Amino acid sequence: LQVPVQHFPRIAGKAKYGVWNRLLGPLMDCFAYLWMKKKYINYEVKDKG
């Protein structure tokens, strides 16, 4: 089922979101994850005494 619609051009302003806007947050999350993974200290208990 298809319904015909009218599309109007943007009168003023511009889109607030784009590819770079949406990629910046997840990209920073990836860098934070890699940094935390590098700084991880693996503790090991040798004697439960």
PDB file of N, CA and C in Angstrom:
ATOM      1  N   LEU A   1       0.855  -1.180   0.000  1.00  0.00           N
ATOM      2  CA  LEU A   1       0.000   0.000   0.000  1.00  0.00           C
ATOM      3  C   LEU A   1       0.893   1.234   0.000  1.00  0.00           C
ATOM      4  N   GLN A   2       0.710   2.093  -0.948  1.00  0.00           N
ATOM      5  CA  GLN A   2       1.483   3.329  -1.036  1.00  0.00           C
ATOM      6  C   GLN A   2       0.536   4.512  -0.996  1.00  0.00           C
ATOM      7  N   VAL A   3       0.902   5.493  -0.196  1.00  0.00           N
ATOM      8  CA  VAL A   3       0.092   6.695  -0.066  1.00  0.00           C
ATOM      9  C   VAL A   3       0.909   7.867  -0.584  1.00  0.00           C
ATOM     10  N   PRO A   4       0.409   8.617  -1.533  1.00  0.00           N
ATOM     11  CA  PRO A   4       1.157   9.774  -2.034  1.00  0.00           C
ATOM     12  C   PRO A   4       1.232  10.881  -0.979  1.00  0.00           C
ATOM     13  N   VAL A   5       2.409  11.463  -0.827  1.00  0.00           N
ATOM     14  CA  VAL A   5       2.603  12.550   0.136  1.00  0.00           C
ATOM     15  C   VAL A   5       3.271  13.721  -0.566  1.00  0.00           C
ATOM     16  N   GLN A   6       3.132  14.897   0.014  1.00  0.00           N
ATOM     17  CA  GLN A   6       3.794  16.079  -0.523  1.00  0.00           C
ATOM     18  C   GLN A   6       5.050  16.347   0.293  1.00  0.00           C
ATOM     19  N   HIS A   7       6.134  16.648  -0.386  1.00  0.00           N
ATOM     20  CA  HIS A   7       7.381  16.980   0.283  1.00  0.00           C
ATOM     21  C   HIS A   7       7.673  18.450   0.042  1.00  0.00           C
ATOM     22  N   PHE A   8       7.976  19.153   1.118  1.00  0.00           N
ATOM     23  CA  PHE A   8       8.248  20.582   1.026  1.00  0.00           C
ATOM     24  C   PHE A   8       9.720  20.837   1.314  1.00  0.00           C
ATOM     25  N   PRO A   9      10.345  21.732   0.576  1.00  0.00           N
ATOM     26  CA  PRO A   9      11.751  22.055   0.847  1.00  0.00           C
ATOM     27  C   PRO A   9      11.884  22.793   2.181  1.00  0.00           C
ATOM     28  N   ARG A  10      13.052  22.662   2.784  1.00  0.00           N
ATOM     29  CA  ARG A  10      13.317  23.337   4.054  1.00  0.00           C
ATOM     30  C   ARG A  10      13.301  24.846   3.824  1.00  0.00           C
ATOM     31  N   ILE A  11      12.541  25.565   4.631  1.00  0.00           N
ATOM     32  CA  ILE A  11      12.402  27.012   4.463  1.00  0.00           C
ATOM     33  C   ILE A  11      13.550  27.757   5.143  1.00  0.00           C
ATOM     34  N   ALA A  12      13.882  27.347   6.357  1.00  0.00           N
ATOM     35  CA  ALA A  12      14.930  28.040   7.101  1.00  0.00           C
ATOM     36  C   ALA A  12      15.707  27.033   7.934  1.00  0.00           C
ATOM     37  N   GLY A  13      16.911  27.420   8.309  1.00  0.00           N
ATOM     38  CA  GLY A  13      17.729  26.571   9.163  1.00  0.00           C
ATOM     39  C   GLY A  13      18.404  25.456   8.395  1.00  0.00           C
ATOM     40  N   LYS A  14      19.031  24.569   9.155  1.00  0.00           N
ATOM     41  CA  LYS A  14      19.681  23.420   8.532  1.00  0.00           C
ATOM     42  C   LYS A  14      19.609  22.247   9.495  1.00  0.00           C
ATOM     43  N   ALA A  15      19.888  21.075   8.989  1.00  0.00           N
ATOM     44  CA  ALA A  15      19.845  19.869   9.811  1.00  0.00           C
ATOM     45  C   ALA A  15      20.914  19.956  10.902  1.00  0.00           C
ATOM     46  N   LYS A  16      20.576  19.530  12.091  1.00  0.00           N
ATOM     47  CA  LYS A  16      21.506  19.603  13.220  1.00  0.00           C
ATOM     48  C   LYS A  16      22.348  18.336  13.359  1.00  0.00           C
ATOM     49  N   TYR A  17      22.028  17.299  12.617  1.00  0.00           N
ATOM     50  CA  TYR A  17      22.752  16.040  12.726  1.00  0.00           C
ATOM     51  C   TYR A  17      23.260  15.615  11.363  1.00  0.00           C
ATOM     52  N   GLY A  18      24.431  15.068  11.354  1.00  0.00           N
ATOM     53  CA  GLY A  18      25.027  14.565  10.127  1.00  0.00           C
ATOM     54  C   GLY A  18      25.878  13.350  10.454  1.00  0.00           C
ATOM     55  N   VAL A  19      26.630  12.910   9.497  1.00  0.00           N
ATOM     56  CA  VAL A  19      27.463  11.727   9.692  1.00  0.00           C
ATOM     57  C   VAL A  19      28.517  11.985  10.761  1.00  0.00           C
ATOM     58  N   TRP A  20      29.196  13.115  10.687  1.00  0.00           N
ATOM     59  CA  TRP A  20      30.282  13.396  11.635  1.00  0.00           C
ATOM     60  C   TRP A  20      29.747  13.629  13.032  1.00  0.00           C
ATOM     61  N   ASN A  21      28.578  14.238  13.144  1.00  0.00           N
ATOM     62  CA  ASN A  21      27.964  14.441  14.450  1.00  0.00           C
ATOM     63  C   ASN A  21      27.654  13.112  15.119  1.00  0.00           C
ATOM     64  N   ARG A  22      27.190  12.170  14.360  1.00  0.00           N
ATOM     65  CA  ARG A  22      26.796  10.878  14.912  1.00  0.00           C
ATOM     66  C   ARG A  22      27.984   9.967  15.160  1.00  0.00           C
ATOM     67  N   LEU A  23      29.098  10.193  14.491  1.00  0.00           N
ATOM     68  CA  LEU A  23      30.267   9.333  14.656  1.00  0.00           C
ATOM     69  C   LEU A  23      31.180   9.780  15.790  1.00  0.00           C
ATOM     70  N   LEU A  24      31.136  11.041  16.155  1.00  0.00           N
ATOM     71  CA  LEU A  24      32.078  11.565  17.146  1.00  0.00           C
ATOM     72  C   LEU A  24      31.922  10.878  18.505  1.00  0.00           C
ATOM     73  N   GLY A  25      30.717  10.742  18.995  1.00  0.00           N
ATOM     74  CA  GLY A  25      30.494  10.111  20.299  1.00  0.00           C
ATOM     75  C   GLY A  25      30.968   8.667  20.351  1.00  0.00           C
ATOM     76  N   PRO A  26      30.497   7.806  19.445  1.00  0.00           N
ATOM     77  CA  PRO A  26      30.963   6.416  19.454  1.00  0.00           C
ATOM     78  C   PRO A  26      32.465   6.275  19.223  1.00  0.00           C
ATOM     79  N   LEU A  27      33.051   7.159  18.422  1.00  0.00           N
ATOM     80  CA  LEU A  27      34.489   7.107  18.194  1.00  0.00           C
ATOM     81  C   LEU A  27      35.249   7.414  19.484  1.00  0.00           C
ATOM     82  N   MET A  28      34.783   8.399  20.225  1.00  0.00           N
ATOM     83  CA  MET A  28      35.412   8.720  21.507  1.00  0.00           C
ATOM     84  C   MET A  28      35.236   7.565  22.497  1.00  0.00           C
ATOM     85  N   ASP A  29      34.085   6.888  22.457  1.00  0.00           N
ATOM     86  CA  ASP A  29      33.866   5.722  23.314  1.00  0.00           C
ATOM     87  C   ASP A  29      34.867   4.616  22.998  1.00  0.00           C
ATOM     88  N   CYS A  30      35.159   4.418  21.722  1.00  0.00           N
ATOM     89  CA  CYS A  30      36.136   3.394  21.325  1.00  0.00           C
ATOM     90  C   CYS A  30      37.522   3.732  21.865  1.00  0.00           C
ATOM     91  N   PHE A  31      37.913   4.996  21.765  1.00  0.00           N
ATOM     92  CA  PHE A  31      39.214   5.400  22.305  1.00  0.00           C
ATOM     93  C   PHE A  31      39.254   5.230  23.826  1.00  0.00           C
ATOM     94  N   ALA A  32      38.159   5.555  24.506  1.00  0.00           N
ATOM     95  CA  ALA A  32      38.109   5.388  25.959  1.00  0.00           C
ATOM     96  C   ALA A  32      38.214   3.914  26.327  1.00  0.00           C
ATOM     97  N   TYR A  33      37.538   3.053  25.578  1.00  0.00           N
ATOM     98  CA  TYR A  33      37.600   1.612  25.833  1.00  0.00           C
ATOM     99  C   TYR A  33      39.027   1.093  25.668  1.00  0.00           C
ATOM    100  N   LEU A  34      39.690   1.491  24.588  1.00  0.00           N
ATOM    101  CA  LEU A  34      41.062   1.040  24.364  1.00  0.00           C
ATOM    102  C   LEU A  34      41.997   1.545  25.457  1.00  0.00           C
ATOM    103  N   TRP A  35      41.795   2.781  25.907  1.00  0.00           N
ATOM    104  CA  TRP A  35      42.626   3.340  26.968  1.00  0.00           C
ATOM    105  C   TRP A  35      42.424   2.571  28.273  1.00  0.00           C
ATOM    106  N   MET A  36      41.161   2.283  28.619  1.00  0.00           N
ATOM    107  CA  MET A  36      40.885   1.542  29.858  1.00  0.00           C
ATOM    108  C   MET A  36      41.411   0.114  29.777  1.00  0.00           C
ATOM    109  N   LYS A  37      41.328  -0.492  28.607  1.00  0.00           N
ATOM    110  CA  LYS A  37      41.832  -1.855  28.432  1.00  0.00           C
ATOM    111  C   LYS A  37      43.345  -1.891  28.607  1.00  0.00           C
ATOM    112  N   LYS A  38      44.031  -0.848  28.127  1.00  0.00           N
ATOM    113  CA  LYS A  38      45.485  -0.778  28.257  1.00  0.00           C
ATOM    114  C   LYS A  38      45.896  -0.574  29.720  1.00  0.00           C
ATOM    115  N   LYS A  39      45.103   0.175  30.477  1.00  0.00           N
ATOM    116  CA  LYS A  39      45.438   0.488  31.865  1.00  0.00           C
ATOM    117  C   LYS A  39      44.957  -0.572  32.857  1.00  0.00           C
ATOM    118  N   TYR A  40      44.275  -1.611  32.374  1.00  0.00           N
ATOM    119  CA  TYR A  40      43.707  -2.638  33.247  1.00  0.00           C
ATOM    120  C   TYR A  40      44.810  -3.389  33.976  1.00  0.00           C
ATOM    121  N   ILE A  41      44.637  -3.580  35.276  1.00  0.00           N
ATOM    122  CA  ILE A  41      45.594  -4.332  36.087  1.00  0.00           C
ATOM    123  C   ILE A  41      44.913  -5.630  36.497  1.00  0.00           C
ATOM    124  N   ASN A  42      45.502  -6.746  36.130  1.00  0.00           N
ATOM    125  CA  ASN A  42      44.922  -8.049  36.441  1.00  0.00           C
ATOM    126  C   ASN A  42      45.532  -8.561  37.744  1.00  0.00           C
ATOM    127  N   TYR A  43      44.776  -8.465  38.824  1.00  0.00           N
ATOM    128  CA  TYR A  43      45.242  -8.939  40.118  1.00  0.00           C
ATOM    129  C   TYR A  43      45.026 -10.436  40.220  1.00  0.00           C
ATOM    130  N   GLU A  44      45.978 -11.116  40.871  1.00  0.00           N
ATOM    131  CA  GLU A  44      45.860 -12.557  41.052  1.00  0.00           C
ATOM    132  C   GLU A  44      46.217 -12.885  42.496  1.00  0.00           C
ATOM    133  N   VAL A  45      45.341 -13.606  43.176  1.00  0.00           N
ATOM    134  CA  VAL A  45      45.582 -14.005  44.562  1.00  0.00           C
ATOM    135  C   VAL A  45      46.394 -15.292  44.533  1.00  0.00           C
ATOM    136  N   LYS A  46      47.601 -15.259  45.142  1.00  0.00           N
ATOM    137  CA  LYS A  46      48.469 -16.430  45.122  1.00  0.00           C
ATOM    138  C   LYS A  46      48.190 -17.356  46.298  1.00  0.00           C
ATOM    139  N   ASP A  47      47.871 -16.762  47.456  1.00  0.00           N
ATOM    140  CA  ASP A  47      47.632 -17.575  48.648  1.00  0.00           C
ATOM    141  C   ASP A  47      46.386 -17.061  49.343  1.00  0.00           C
ATOM    142  N   LYS A  48      45.456 -17.946  49.618  1.00  0.00           N
ATOM    143  CA  LYS A  48      44.204 -17.530  50.263  1.00  0.00           C
ATOM    144  C   LYS A  48      44.329 -17.521  51.780  1.00  0.00           C
ATOM    145  N   GLY A  49      45.528 -17.645  52.315  1.00  0.00           N
ATOM    146  CA  GLY A  49      45.816 -17.735  53.730  1.00  0.00           C
ATOM    147  C   GLY A  49      45.224 -16.675  54.529  1.00  0.00           C
TER     148      GLY A  49
END
